[in-house]
Amino acid sequence: MYKWTITFIVALFYSVCLFADTPGKAEMYESKISFQGVTNIAGYTFYWAMERSNTADVVTTDSSFYMAASHGAPYSYSFWAINNITKKSTDTIPFHNYYSPDYVIILNAVKNDSIYYTQKELSNANDIVHEGNTDSIANKQLIADAKSFKRKHYIRVGLFCVAGIAGLGGLIWFFVTRRKKKAASTQGTGS
């Protein structure tokens, strides 16, 4: 009894306090960021850059960019604008790809060096989200891709459920027929 108590306490300690052998994270996929309404805001030049990068992409029209999938700490990206006359920078819009869905950023205005925008989330391989009202998104291909990801996700979940039920049914059938055979074989011997 004493050995079992010590073993139980040690096992409880290991399971609660130590996390060395916990499974790794699920695979991350890239996220797509689409900017809409860039040409509607005059007097500013917009930029998109990775946080640790020395270069930035100039955004002059409605554009889409990919946030690379990280296999550890999430990559960080920023979107900002610079006033063409005063050369003063606006606040940045930060993005982090940590199992992130796809985003559509609809630029509304720039006032007092702050970017006013609407952000919409779309489903992708990282995350299945409720898209809500997508009428304001001009690029309908993004919406079609999100619906495709969502449809494939639910088909995969359904197939896993069917496979699980079929496997359980197979196990039940196997053990029931095994029990019947065993009962029939012992019944004939007269034991």
N, C-alpha and C. Protein backbone atom coordinates (compact mmCIF):
# COMPACT_ATOMS: atom_id res chain seq x y z
N MET A 1 0.82 -1.20 0.00
CA MET A 1 0.00 0.00 0.00
C MET A 1 0.86 1.26 0.00
N TYR A 2 1.95 1.23 0.77
CA TYR A 2 2.85 2.36 0.87
C TYR A 2 3.47 2.69 -0.50
N LYS A 3 3.88 1.67 -1.26
CA LYS A 3 4.50 1.88 -2.58
C LYS A 3 3.50 2.50 -3.56
N TRP A 4 2.25 2.06 -3.51
CA TRP A 4 1.23 2.60 -4.42
C TRP A 4 0.95 4.07 -4.11
N THR A 5 0.95 4.43 -2.84
CA THR A 5 0.70 5.82 -2.45
C THR A 5 1.82 6.72 -2.95
N ILE A 6 3.07 6.29 -2.75
CA ILE A 6 4.21 7.08 -3.23
C ILE A 6 4.19 7.18 -4.75
N THR A 7 3.90 6.07 -5.43
CA THR A 7 3.83 6.08 -6.90
C THR A 7 2.74 7.03 -7.38
N PHE A 8 1.59 7.02 -6.71
CA PHE A 8 0.50 7.90 -7.09
C PHE A 8 0.88 9.37 -6.90
N ILE A 9 1.52 9.69 -5.80
CA ILE A 9 1.92 11.08 -5.53
C ILE A 9 2.95 11.55 -6.56
N VAL A 10 3.92 10.70 -6.87
CA VAL A 10 4.94 11.06 -7.87
C VAL A 10 4.29 11.24 -9.24
N ALA A 11 3.39 10.34 -9.63
CA ALA A 11 2.70 10.45 -10.92
C ALA A 11 1.86 11.72 -10.98
N LEU A 12 1.18 12.04 -9.90
CA LEU A 12 0.38 13.26 -9.86
C LEU A 12 1.28 14.49 -9.99
N PHE A 13 2.42 14.48 -9.31
CA PHE A 13 3.37 15.59 -9.41
C PHE A 13 3.85 15.77 -10.84
N TYR A 14 4.23 14.67 -11.49
CA TYR A 14 4.71 14.75 -12.87
C TYR A 14 3.63 15.26 -13.81
N SER A 15 2.40 14.79 -13.65
CA SER A 15 1.35 15.19 -14.58
C SER A 15 0.91 16.64 -14.39
N VAL A 16 1.03 17.16 -13.17
CA VAL A 16 0.58 18.53 -12.91
C VAL A 16 1.70 19.55 -13.09
N CYS A 17 2.91 19.23 -12.66
CA CYS A 17 3.97 20.23 -12.60
C CYS A 17 4.96 20.20 -13.76
N LEU A 18 5.11 19.11 -14.42
CA LEU A 18 6.11 19.01 -15.48
C LEU A 18 5.42 18.94 -16.84
N PHE A 19 5.91 19.73 -17.77
CA PHE A 19 5.30 19.78 -19.09
C PHE A 19 6.32 19.51 -20.19
N ALA A 20 7.35 18.78 -19.90
CA ALA A 20 8.44 18.56 -20.86
C ALA A 20 7.99 17.72 -22.05
N ASP A 21 7.07 16.82 -21.85
CA ASP A 21 6.68 15.91 -22.92
C ASP A 21 5.30 16.23 -23.47
N THR A 22 4.87 17.46 -23.35
CA THR A 22 3.58 17.80 -23.92
C THR A 22 3.69 17.85 -25.43
N PRO A 23 2.62 17.54 -26.13
CA PRO A 23 2.69 17.55 -27.59
C PRO A 23 2.91 18.95 -28.13
N GLY A 24 3.51 19.04 -29.31
CA GLY A 24 3.80 20.33 -29.93
C GLY A 24 2.55 20.99 -30.46
N LYS A 25 2.73 22.19 -30.97
CA LYS A 25 1.61 22.94 -31.52
C LYS A 25 1.20 22.35 -32.87
N ALA A 26 -0.02 22.59 -33.22
CA ALA A 26 -0.50 22.20 -34.54
C ALA A 26 0.18 23.07 -35.59
N GLU A 27 0.25 22.58 -36.79
CA GLU A 27 0.91 23.31 -37.87
C GLU A 27 0.17 24.62 -38.15
N MET A 28 0.93 25.68 -38.34
CA MET A 28 0.35 26.97 -38.71
C MET A 28 0.44 27.15 -40.22
N TYR A 29 -0.51 27.85 -40.77
CA TYR A 29 -0.53 28.14 -42.20
C TYR A 29 -0.46 29.65 -42.41
N GLU A 30 -0.11 30.05 -43.59
CA GLU A 30 -0.02 31.49 -43.86
C GLU A 30 -1.41 32.12 -43.84
N SER A 31 -1.43 33.40 -43.55
CA SER A 31 -2.67 34.17 -43.55
C SER A 31 -2.57 35.24 -44.62
N LYS A 32 -3.72 35.56 -45.19
CA LYS A 32 -3.76 36.57 -46.25
C LYS A 32 -4.39 37.84 -45.70
N ILE A 33 -3.72 38.95 -45.92
CA ILE A 33 -4.22 40.26 -45.51
C ILE A 33 -4.52 41.05 -46.77
N SER A 34 -5.75 41.50 -46.91
CA SER A 34 -6.15 42.28 -48.09
C SER A 34 -6.56 43.67 -47.65
N PHE A 35 -6.03 44.66 -48.35
CA PHE A 35 -6.33 46.06 -48.06
C PHE A 35 -7.23 46.60 -49.16
N GLN A 36 -8.27 47.29 -48.75
CA GLN A 36 -9.27 47.80 -49.67
C GLN A 36 -9.51 49.27 -49.36
N GLY A 37 -9.67 50.08 -50.40
CA GLY A 37 -9.93 51.50 -50.22
C GLY A 37 -8.67 52.34 -50.13
N VAL A 38 -7.54 51.80 -50.56
CA VAL A 38 -6.27 52.54 -50.49
C VAL A 38 -6.31 53.77 -51.39
N THR A 39 -6.87 53.62 -52.58
CA THR A 39 -6.89 54.73 -53.54
C THR A 39 -7.89 55.82 -53.15
N ASN A 40 -8.80 55.54 -52.22
CA ASN A 40 -9.78 56.53 -51.79
C ASN A 40 -9.21 57.56 -50.83
N ILE A 41 -8.03 57.28 -50.28
CA ILE A 41 -7.43 58.20 -49.31
C ILE A 41 -6.26 58.91 -49.96
N ALA A 42 -6.44 60.18 -50.21
CA ALA A 42 -5.40 60.97 -50.89
C ALA A 42 -4.47 61.62 -49.87
N GLY A 43 -3.27 61.91 -50.33
CA GLY A 43 -2.32 62.63 -49.50
C GLY A 43 -1.46 61.75 -48.62
N TYR A 44 -1.61 60.45 -48.71
CA TYR A 44 -0.83 59.53 -47.89
C TYR A 44 -0.25 58.42 -48.76
N THR A 45 0.92 57.94 -48.37
CA THR A 45 1.53 56.77 -48.99
C THR A 45 1.51 55.66 -47.94
N PHE A 46 0.97 54.50 -48.32
CA PHE A 46 0.81 53.40 -47.38
C PHE A 46 1.96 52.40 -47.53
N TYR A 47 2.30 51.75 -46.40
CA TYR A 47 3.41 50.81 -46.38
C TYR A 47 3.01 49.54 -45.63
N TRP A 48 3.61 48.44 -46.05
CA TRP A 48 3.41 47.13 -45.43
C TRP A 48 4.80 46.51 -45.23
N ALA A 49 5.10 46.05 -44.01
CA ALA A 49 6.43 45.48 -43.76
C ALA A 49 6.37 44.46 -42.64
N MET A 50 7.31 43.54 -42.72
CA MET A 50 7.53 42.59 -41.63
C MET A 50 8.26 43.35 -40.52
N GLU A 51 7.99 43.01 -39.27
CA GLU A 51 8.53 43.78 -38.15
C GLU A 51 10.05 43.87 -38.14
N ARG A 52 10.74 42.79 -38.41
CA ARG A 52 12.20 42.80 -38.34
C ARG A 52 12.86 43.02 -39.69
N SER A 53 12.12 43.50 -40.62
CA SER A 53 12.65 43.72 -41.96
C SER A 53 13.11 45.16 -42.13
N ASN A 54 14.12 45.35 -42.94
CA ASN A 54 14.62 46.71 -43.21
C ASN A 54 13.93 47.34 -44.41
N THR A 55 13.10 46.58 -45.09
CA THR A 55 12.41 47.10 -46.27
C THR A 55 10.91 47.04 -46.07
N ALA A 56 10.21 47.91 -46.77
CA ALA A 56 8.75 47.95 -46.70
C ALA A 56 8.20 48.00 -48.12
N ASP A 57 7.06 47.36 -48.31
CA ASP A 57 6.37 47.41 -49.60
C ASP A 57 5.45 48.63 -49.62
N VAL A 58 5.51 49.38 -50.71
CA VAL A 58 4.62 50.53 -50.88
C VAL A 58 3.30 50.00 -51.43
N VAL A 59 2.21 50.42 -50.80
CA VAL A 59 0.87 49.97 -51.20
C VAL A 59 0.17 51.15 -51.86
N THR A 60 -0.02 51.07 -53.18
CA THR A 60 -0.64 52.18 -53.91
C THR A 60 -2.05 51.85 -54.39
N THR A 61 -2.39 50.57 -54.45
CA THR A 61 -3.73 50.15 -54.87
C THR A 61 -4.22 49.08 -53.89
N ASP A 62 -5.45 48.68 -54.07
CA ASP A 62 -5.97 47.58 -53.25
C ASP A 62 -5.10 46.37 -53.49
N SER A 63 -4.55 45.82 -52.41
CA SER A 63 -3.56 44.75 -52.53
C SER A 63 -3.79 43.69 -51.47
N SER A 64 -3.21 42.52 -51.73
CA SER A 64 -3.23 41.43 -50.76
C SER A 64 -1.81 40.99 -50.49
N PHE A 65 -1.53 40.68 -49.23
CA PHE A 65 -0.22 40.22 -48.81
C PHE A 65 -0.38 38.98 -47.96
N TYR A 66 0.66 38.16 -47.94
CA TYR A 66 0.64 36.96 -47.12
C TYR A 66 1.51 37.15 -45.90
N MET A 67 1.00 36.72 -44.75
CA MET A 67 1.82 36.63 -43.56
C MET A 67 2.32 35.19 -43.51
N ALA A 68 3.63 35.03 -43.53
CA ALA A 68 4.22 33.69 -43.56
C ALA A 68 3.85 32.92 -42.30
N ALA A 69 3.74 31.61 -42.46
CA ALA A 69 3.45 30.74 -41.32
C ALA A 69 4.72 30.56 -40.50
N SER A 70 4.62 30.75 -39.22
CA SER A 70 5.79 30.56 -38.37
C SER A 70 5.71 29.18 -37.73
N HIS A 71 6.84 28.68 -37.33
CA HIS A 71 6.88 27.39 -36.66
C HIS A 71 7.34 27.58 -35.22
N GLY A 72 7.07 28.71 -34.66
CA GLY A 72 7.47 29.04 -33.30
C GLY A 72 6.76 30.31 -32.90
N ALA A 73 7.52 31.35 -32.59
CA ALA A 73 6.93 32.64 -32.26
C ALA A 73 6.30 33.24 -33.52
N PRO A 74 5.16 33.90 -33.38
CA PRO A 74 4.49 34.43 -34.58
C PRO A 74 5.27 35.57 -35.22
N TYR A 75 5.19 35.64 -36.53
CA TYR A 75 5.76 36.77 -37.24
C TYR A 75 4.86 37.98 -37.06
N SER A 76 5.45 39.14 -36.98
CA SER A 76 4.68 40.37 -36.82
C SER A 76 4.84 41.24 -38.06
N TYR A 77 3.74 41.84 -38.47
CA TYR A 77 3.72 42.71 -39.64
C TYR A 77 3.04 44.02 -39.25
N SER A 78 3.33 45.06 -40.00
CA SER A 78 2.73 46.36 -39.73
C SER A 78 2.26 47.01 -41.02
N PHE A 79 1.20 47.80 -40.89
CA PHE A 79 0.66 48.59 -42.00
C PHE A 79 0.51 50.00 -41.47
N TRP A 80 1.04 50.98 -42.20
CA TRP A 80 0.98 52.37 -41.77
C TRP A 80 1.02 53.27 -43.00
N ALA A 81 0.85 54.55 -42.75
CA ALA A 81 0.89 55.54 -43.83
C ALA A 81 1.76 56.72 -43.40
N ILE A 82 2.30 57.40 -44.42
CA ILE A 82 3.08 58.61 -44.19
C ILE A 82 2.44 59.73 -44.99
N ASN A 83 2.22 60.86 -44.30
CA ASN A 83 1.65 62.02 -44.95
C ASN A 83 2.63 62.54 -45.99
N ASN A 84 2.16 62.76 -47.21
CA ASN A 84 3.04 63.19 -48.30
C ASN A 84 3.58 64.61 -48.10
N ILE A 85 2.88 65.45 -47.37
CA ILE A 85 3.32 66.83 -47.19
C ILE A 85 4.16 66.98 -45.92
N THR A 86 3.65 66.53 -44.79
CA THR A 86 4.36 66.72 -43.51
C THR A 86 5.38 65.62 -43.22
N LYS A 87 5.31 64.53 -43.96
CA LYS A 87 6.19 63.36 -43.77
C LYS A 87 6.02 62.74 -42.38
N LYS A 88 4.88 63.01 -41.75
CA LYS A 88 4.60 62.44 -40.44
C LYS A 88 3.90 61.09 -40.61
N SER A 89 4.32 60.12 -39.81
CA SER A 89 3.77 58.76 -39.89
C SER A 89 2.49 58.63 -39.08
N THR A 90 1.61 57.79 -39.54
CA THR A 90 0.39 57.50 -38.79
C THR A 90 0.65 56.38 -37.80
N ASP A 91 -0.35 56.09 -37.00
CA ASP A 91 -0.29 54.91 -36.15
C ASP A 91 -0.22 53.68 -37.04
N THR A 92 0.37 52.62 -36.53
CA THR A 92 0.45 51.39 -37.31
C THR A 92 -0.70 50.46 -36.94
N ILE A 93 -1.04 49.62 -37.90
CA ILE A 93 -1.99 48.54 -37.66
C ILE A 93 -1.15 47.27 -37.57
N PRO A 94 -1.07 46.64 -36.39
CA PRO A 94 -0.23 45.46 -36.24
C PRO A 94 -0.97 44.17 -36.61
N PHE A 95 -0.23 43.21 -37.12
CA PHE A 95 -0.75 41.88 -37.45
C PHE A 95 0.24 40.84 -36.95
N HIS A 96 -0.28 39.75 -36.42
CA HIS A 96 0.56 38.65 -35.95
C HIS A 96 -0.03 37.36 -36.50
N ASN A 97 0.78 36.54 -37.15
CA ASN A 97 0.27 35.29 -37.68
C ASN A 97 0.47 34.18 -36.65
N TYR A 98 -0.48 34.06 -35.76
CA TYR A 98 -0.49 32.97 -34.79
C TYR A 98 -1.84 32.29 -34.93
N TYR A 99 -1.94 31.35 -35.86
CA TYR A 99 -3.20 30.67 -36.21
C TYR A 99 -4.25 31.72 -36.59
N SER A 100 -3.85 32.71 -37.34
CA SER A 100 -4.75 33.82 -37.68
C SER A 100 -5.61 33.48 -38.89
N PRO A 101 -6.83 34.00 -38.90
CA PRO A 101 -7.65 33.88 -40.10
C PRO A 101 -7.16 34.87 -41.15
N ASP A 102 -7.77 34.84 -42.31
CA ASP A 102 -7.49 35.88 -43.31
C ASP A 102 -8.23 37.15 -42.90
N TYR A 103 -7.64 38.29 -43.23
CA TYR A 103 -8.25 39.58 -42.87
C TYR A 103 -8.46 40.42 -44.11
N VAL A 104 -9.55 41.18 -44.09
CA VAL A 104 -9.78 42.23 -45.09
C VAL A 104 -9.85 43.52 -44.29
N ILE A 105 -8.97 44.44 -44.62
CA ILE A 105 -8.92 45.74 -43.97
C ILE A 105 -9.50 46.77 -44.94
N ILE A 106 -10.62 47.36 -44.57
CA ILE A 106 -11.28 48.37 -45.40
C ILE A 106 -10.92 49.73 -44.81
N LEU A 107 -10.10 50.49 -45.53
CA LEU A 107 -9.66 51.80 -45.06
C LEU A 107 -10.79 52.81 -45.24
N ASN A 108 -11.13 53.49 -44.16
CA ASN A 108 -12.22 54.47 -44.20
C ASN A 108 -11.70 55.90 -44.30
N ALA A 109 -10.71 56.24 -43.49
CA ALA A 109 -10.18 57.61 -43.48
C ALA A 109 -8.89 57.64 -42.67
N VAL A 110 -8.16 58.74 -42.84
CA VAL A 110 -7.01 59.04 -42.00
C VAL A 110 -7.25 60.42 -41.41
N LYS A 111 -7.34 60.48 -40.07
CA LYS A 111 -7.59 61.75 -39.38
C LYS A 111 -6.62 61.85 -38.22
N ASN A 112 -6.01 63.02 -38.08
CA ASN A 112 -5.05 63.26 -36.99
C ASN A 112 -3.99 62.17 -36.93
N ASP A 113 -3.53 61.77 -38.09
CA ASP A 113 -2.51 60.74 -38.22
C ASP A 113 -2.89 59.40 -37.60
N SER A 114 -4.17 59.10 -37.60
CA SER A 114 -4.67 57.79 -37.19
C SER A 114 -5.47 57.20 -38.35
N ILE A 115 -5.26 55.93 -38.60
CA ILE A 115 -5.98 55.24 -39.68
C ILE A 115 -7.27 54.68 -39.11
N TYR A 116 -8.40 55.08 -39.72
CA TYR A 116 -9.69 54.53 -39.35
C TYR A 116 -10.04 53.46 -40.38
N TYR A 117 -10.36 52.28 -39.87
CA TYR A 117 -10.59 51.15 -40.78
C TYR A 117 -11.60 50.19 -40.19
N THR A 118 -12.11 49.32 -41.06
CA THR A 118 -12.98 48.23 -40.66
C THR A 118 -12.25 46.94 -40.96
N GLN A 119 -12.27 46.04 -40.01
CA GLN A 119 -11.55 44.76 -40.19
C GLN A 119 -12.56 43.63 -40.27
N LYS A 120 -12.45 42.81 -41.31
CA LYS A 120 -13.30 41.63 -41.49
C LYS A 120 -12.41 40.39 -41.44
N GLU A 121 -12.88 39.34 -40.78
CA GLU A 121 -12.14 38.08 -40.71
C GLU A 121 -12.79 37.07 -41.65
N LEU A 122 -11.94 36.31 -42.33
CA LEU A 122 -12.41 35.26 -43.23
C LEU A 122 -11.75 33.94 -42.87
N SER A 123 -12.45 32.85 -43.07
CA SER A 123 -11.93 31.52 -42.75
C SER A 123 -10.74 31.17 -43.63
N ASN A 124 -9.80 30.44 -43.06
CA ASN A 124 -8.68 29.89 -43.82
C ASN A 124 -8.26 28.59 -43.17
N ALA A 125 -7.11 28.05 -43.56
CA ALA A 125 -6.65 26.77 -43.02
C ALA A 125 -6.30 26.87 -41.53
N ASN A 126 -6.04 28.07 -41.02
CA ASN A 126 -5.73 28.25 -39.59
C ASN A 126 -6.97 28.28 -38.72
N ASP A 127 -8.02 28.94 -39.19
CA ASP A 127 -9.16 29.24 -38.33
C ASP A 127 -10.44 29.29 -39.15
N ILE A 128 -11.49 28.68 -38.63
CA ILE A 128 -12.81 28.75 -39.24
C ILE A 128 -13.61 29.77 -38.44
N VAL A 129 -13.98 30.85 -39.08
CA VAL A 129 -14.68 31.93 -38.38
C VAL A 129 -16.04 32.17 -39.02
N HIS A 130 -16.90 32.87 -38.28
CA HIS A 130 -18.18 33.30 -38.83
C HIS A 130 -17.94 34.61 -39.56
N GLU A 131 -18.11 34.58 -40.86
CA GLU A 131 -17.77 35.76 -41.68
C GLU A 131 -18.69 36.95 -41.45
N GLY A 132 -19.93 36.71 -41.07
CA GLY A 132 -20.84 37.83 -40.88
C GLY A 132 -21.21 38.48 -42.21
N ASN A 133 -21.41 39.78 -42.21
CA ASN A 133 -21.79 40.51 -43.41
C ASN A 133 -20.56 40.82 -44.24
N THR A 134 -20.47 40.21 -45.41
CA THR A 134 -19.31 40.39 -46.28
C THR A 134 -19.63 41.24 -47.50
N ASP A 135 -20.76 41.96 -47.48
CA ASP A 135 -21.15 42.77 -48.64
C ASP A 135 -20.16 43.90 -48.93
N SER A 136 -19.47 44.39 -47.91
CA SER A 136 -18.56 45.52 -48.10
C SER A 136 -17.21 45.08 -48.67
N ILE A 137 -16.96 43.78 -48.79
CA ILE A 137 -15.69 43.29 -49.34
C ILE A 137 -15.79 43.27 -50.85
N ALA A 138 -14.93 44.03 -51.49
CA ALA A 138 -15.00 44.16 -52.96
C ALA A 138 -14.48 42.91 -53.66
N ASN A 139 -13.44 42.27 -53.13
CA ASN A 139 -12.84 41.10 -53.77
C ASN A 139 -13.65 39.86 -53.39
N LYS A 140 -14.55 39.46 -54.26
CA LYS A 140 -15.45 38.33 -53.98
C LYS A 140 -14.70 37.00 -54.02
N GLN A 141 -13.50 36.95 -54.61
CA GLN A 141 -12.71 35.72 -54.61
C GLN A 141 -12.27 35.37 -53.19
N LEU A 142 -11.99 36.37 -52.38
CA LEU A 142 -11.63 36.12 -50.98
C LEU A 142 -12.77 35.44 -50.24
N ILE A 143 -13.99 35.88 -50.49
CA ILE A 143 -15.16 35.28 -49.84
C ILE A 143 -15.35 33.85 -50.33
N ALA A 144 -15.17 33.62 -51.63
CA ALA A 144 -15.30 32.27 -52.18
C ALA A 144 -14.24 31.33 -51.58
N ASP A 145 -13.02 31.81 -51.43
CA ASP A 145 -11.96 31.00 -50.81
C ASP A 145 -12.30 30.67 -49.37
N ALA A 146 -12.83 31.64 -48.62
CA ALA A 146 -13.20 31.41 -47.23
C ALA A 146 -14.31 30.37 -47.12
N LYS A 147 -15.30 30.45 -48.01
CA LYS A 147 -16.39 29.47 -47.99
C LYS A 147 -15.87 28.09 -48.36
N SER A 148 -14.90 28.03 -49.27
CA SER A 148 -14.30 26.76 -49.65
C SER A 148 -13.56 26.13 -48.47
N PHE A 149 -12.77 26.94 -47.73
CA PHE A 149 -12.08 26.43 -46.55
C PHE A 149 -13.08 25.91 -45.52
N LYS A 150 -14.16 26.67 -45.30
CA LYS A 150 -15.15 26.28 -44.31
C LYS A 150 -15.84 24.98 -44.73
N ARG A 151 -16.19 24.86 -46.01
CA ARG A 151 -16.86 23.66 -46.51
C ARG A 151 -15.95 22.44 -46.35
N LYS A 152 -14.66 22.58 -46.73
CA LYS A 152 -13.72 21.47 -46.59
C LYS A 152 -13.53 21.08 -45.14
N HIS A 153 -13.53 22.07 -44.23
CA HIS A 153 -13.38 21.79 -42.80
C HIS A 153 -14.55 20.94 -42.31
N TYR A 154 -15.78 21.32 -42.64
CA TYR A 154 -16.94 20.59 -42.16
C TYR A 154 -17.05 19.21 -42.81
N ILE A 155 -16.62 19.08 -44.05
CA ILE A 155 -16.60 17.75 -44.69
C ILE A 155 -15.59 16.86 -43.96
N ARG A 156 -14.42 17.39 -43.64
CA ARG A 156 -13.41 16.62 -42.92
C ARG A 156 -13.91 16.20 -41.54
N VAL A 157 -14.56 17.12 -40.82
CA VAL A 157 -15.10 16.79 -39.50
C VAL A 157 -16.17 15.71 -39.64
N GLY A 158 -17.02 15.81 -40.64
CA GLY A 158 -18.05 14.79 -40.86
C GLY A 158 -17.45 13.43 -41.17
N LEU A 159 -16.41 13.41 -42.00
CA LEU A 159 -15.77 12.14 -42.33
C LEU A 159 -15.10 11.51 -41.11
N PHE A 160 -14.48 12.33 -40.25
CA PHE A 160 -13.90 11.80 -39.01
C PHE A 160 -14.98 11.20 -38.11
N CYS A 161 -16.13 11.85 -38.03
CA CYS A 161 -17.23 11.32 -37.22
C CYS A 161 -17.73 9.99 -37.78
N VAL A 162 -17.91 9.93 -39.10
CA VAL A 162 -18.37 8.69 -39.73
C VAL A 162 -17.34 7.58 -39.52
N ALA A 163 -16.05 7.90 -39.67
CA ALA A 163 -15.00 6.90 -39.46
C ALA A 163 -14.99 6.42 -38.01
N GLY A 164 -15.18 7.33 -37.07
CA GLY A 164 -15.22 6.94 -35.66
C GLY A 164 -16.39 6.04 -35.35
N ILE A 165 -17.56 6.37 -35.88
CA ILE A 165 -18.75 5.54 -35.66
C ILE A 165 -18.57 4.18 -36.32
N ALA A 166 -18.01 4.16 -37.53
CA ALA A 166 -17.77 2.88 -38.21
C ALA A 166 -16.76 2.03 -37.44
N GLY A 167 -15.71 2.65 -36.91
CA GLY A 167 -14.72 1.92 -36.12
C GLY A 167 -15.33 1.36 -34.85
N LEU A 168 -16.15 2.16 -34.17
CA LEU A 168 -16.83 1.69 -32.96
C LEU A 168 -17.78 0.54 -33.29
N GLY A 169 -18.52 0.68 -34.40
CA GLY A 169 -19.42 -0.39 -34.82
C GLY A 169 -18.65 -1.67 -35.14
N GLY A 170 -17.49 -1.54 -35.78
CA GLY A 170 -16.66 -2.70 -36.09
C GLY A 170 -16.16 -3.39 -34.83
N LEU A 171 -15.73 -2.60 -33.85
CA LEU A 171 -15.28 -3.19 -32.58
C LEU A 171 -16.41 -3.92 -31.86
N ILE A 172 -17.58 -3.31 -31.83
CA ILE A 172 -18.74 -3.94 -31.19
C ILE A 172 -19.08 -5.24 -31.90
N TRP A 173 -19.12 -5.20 -33.22
CA TRP A 173 -19.43 -6.40 -34.00
C TRP A 173 -18.40 -7.50 -33.73
N PHE A 174 -17.11 -7.14 -33.70
CA PHE A 174 -16.04 -8.12 -33.46
C PHE A 174 -16.21 -8.81 -32.11
N PHE A 175 -16.44 -8.03 -31.05
CA PHE A 175 -16.53 -8.62 -29.72
C PHE A 175 -17.83 -9.39 -29.52
N VAL A 176 -18.92 -8.94 -30.14
CA VAL A 176 -20.18 -9.68 -30.03
C VAL A 176 -20.06 -11.03 -30.75
N THR A 177 -19.51 -11.04 -31.96
CA THR A 177 -19.35 -12.32 -32.68
C THR A 177 -18.34 -13.22 -31.96
N ARG A 178 -17.32 -12.66 -31.39
CA ARG A 178 -16.33 -13.45 -30.64
C ARG A 178 -16.99 -14.09 -29.41
N ARG A 179 -17.82 -13.33 -28.71
CA ARG A 179 -18.52 -13.88 -27.54
C ARG A 179 -19.48 -14.99 -27.96
N LYS A 180 -20.17 -14.78 -29.09
CA LYS A 180 -21.11 -15.81 -29.56
C LYS A 180 -20.36 -17.09 -29.93
N LYS A 181 -19.21 -16.95 -30.60
CA LYS A 181 -18.41 -18.14 -30.96
C LYS A 181 -17.91 -18.85 -29.72
N LYS A 182 -17.46 -18.09 -28.75
CA LYS A 182 -16.95 -18.68 -27.52
C LYS A 182 -18.07 -19.40 -26.77
N ALA A 183 -19.25 -18.78 -26.73
CA ALA A 183 -20.39 -19.40 -26.06
C ALA A 183 -20.82 -20.67 -26.80
N ALA A 184 -20.78 -20.63 -28.13
CA ALA A 184 -21.17 -21.82 -28.90
C ALA A 184 -20.15 -22.95 -28.72
N SER A 185 -18.87 -22.63 -28.65
CA SER A 185 -17.85 -23.66 -28.50
C SER A 185 -17.87 -24.27 -27.09
N THR A 186 -18.15 -23.49 -26.06
CA THR A 186 -18.22 -24.05 -24.71
C THR A 186 -19.53 -24.76 -24.47
N GLN A 187 -20.57 -24.43 -25.21
CA GLN A 187 -21.87 -25.05 -25.05
C GLN A 187 -21.85 -26.49 -25.57
N GLY A 188 -21.10 -26.72 -26.61
CA GLY A 188 -21.04 -28.05 -27.21
C GLY A 188 -20.17 -29.04 -26.42
N THR A 189 -19.28 -28.58 -25.57
CA THR A 189 -18.39 -29.48 -24.83
C THR A 189 -19.04 -29.99 -23.56
N GLY A 190 -20.08 -29.36 -23.10
CA GLY A 190 -20.77 -29.81 -21.89
C GLY A 190 -20.06 -29.43 -20.63
N SER A 191 -19.24 -28.41 -20.66
CA SER A 191 -18.53 -28.00 -19.45
C SER A 191 -19.41 -27.26 -18.51
